[in-house]
């Protein structure tokens, strides 16, 4: 799950949720919601967080014929 990966990476880097919010420009409340699996962040929000954490996002489109 993405929220576990974000929290794990943040913890390994020694970055607090507040630090991540400040550096990424994403609201602290949003960071908390994402890390608890309660948020529904946009790709743009996830990208901001991933950039700070040295991660990247890969998108996979399932059933592309159904779009």
Protein backbone atom coordinates (compact mmCIF):
# COMPACT_ATOMS: atom_id res chain seq x y z
CA UNK A 1 0.00 0.00 0.00
CA UNK A 2 1.25 3.44 -0.93
CA UNK A 3 0.54 4.96 2.47
CA UNK A 4 2.79 2.42 4.18
CA UNK A 5 5.61 3.09 1.74
CA UNK A 6 5.36 6.84 2.26
CA UNK A 7 5.43 6.52 6.04
CA UNK A 8 8.29 4.00 5.98
CA UNK A 9 10.41 6.18 3.71
CA UNK A 10 9.71 9.32 5.73
CA UNK A 11 10.67 7.50 8.92
CA UNK A 12 13.88 6.12 7.43
CA UNK A 13 14.87 9.62 6.34
CA UNK A 14 14.12 11.00 9.80
CA UNK A 15 11.61 13.51 8.46
CA UNK A 16 8.59 14.43 10.57
CA UNK A 17 5.15 14.76 9.06
CA UNK A 18 5.43 18.51 9.61
CA UNK A 19 8.79 18.61 7.81
CA UNK A 20 7.31 16.68 4.88
CA UNK A 21 4.36 19.04 4.74
CA UNK A 22 6.59 22.13 4.84
CA UNK A 23 9.03 20.89 2.20
CA UNK A 24 6.45 19.40 -0.18
CA UNK A 25 3.85 22.14 0.11
CA UNK A 26 1.21 19.55 0.99
CA UNK A 27 -0.98 20.28 4.02
CA UNK A 28 -0.07 18.46 7.23
CA UNK A 29 -3.64 17.19 7.49
CA UNK A 30 -3.33 15.64 4.03
CA UNK A 31 -0.03 13.96 4.97
CA UNK A 32 -1.66 12.50 8.08
CA UNK A 33 -4.66 11.24 6.10
CA UNK A 34 -2.44 9.62 3.48
CA UNK A 35 -0.25 7.90 6.07
CA UNK A 36 -3.28 6.43 7.83
CA UNK A 37 -4.81 5.21 4.59
CA UNK A 38 -7.77 7.57 4.95
CA UNK A 39 -6.82 10.07 2.28
CA UNK A 40 -7.53 9.98 -1.42
CA UNK A 41 -4.68 12.10 -2.76
CA UNK A 42 -4.36 13.25 -6.34
CA UNK A 43 -1.45 12.12 -8.47
CA UNK A 44 -0.09 15.66 -8.22
CA UNK A 45 -0.11 15.50 -4.41
CA UNK A 46 1.55 12.09 -4.39
CA UNK A 47 4.17 13.37 -6.82
CA UNK A 48 5.03 16.30 -4.54
CA UNK A 49 5.47 13.94 -1.59
CA UNK A 50 7.41 11.37 -3.63
CA UNK A 51 9.84 14.02 -4.88
CA UNK A 52 10.73 15.05 -1.34
CA UNK A 53 11.17 11.43 -0.27
CA UNK A 54 13.31 10.49 -3.29
CA UNK A 55 10.61 8.21 -4.65
CA UNK A 56 8.78 8.07 -7.96
CA UNK A 57 5.27 7.10 -8.97
CA UNK A 58 4.48 4.58 -11.69
CA UNK A 59 0.95 4.61 -13.06
CA UNK A 60 -0.63 1.52 -14.50
CA UNK A 61 -3.86 1.74 -16.42
CA UNK A 62 -5.94 -1.38 -16.01
CA UNK A 63 -8.26 -2.43 -18.82
CA UNK A 64 -7.21 0.36 -21.20
CA UNK A 65 -9.82 -0.81 -23.71
CA UNK A 66 -12.59 0.20 -21.29
CA UNK A 67 -11.68 3.88 -21.23
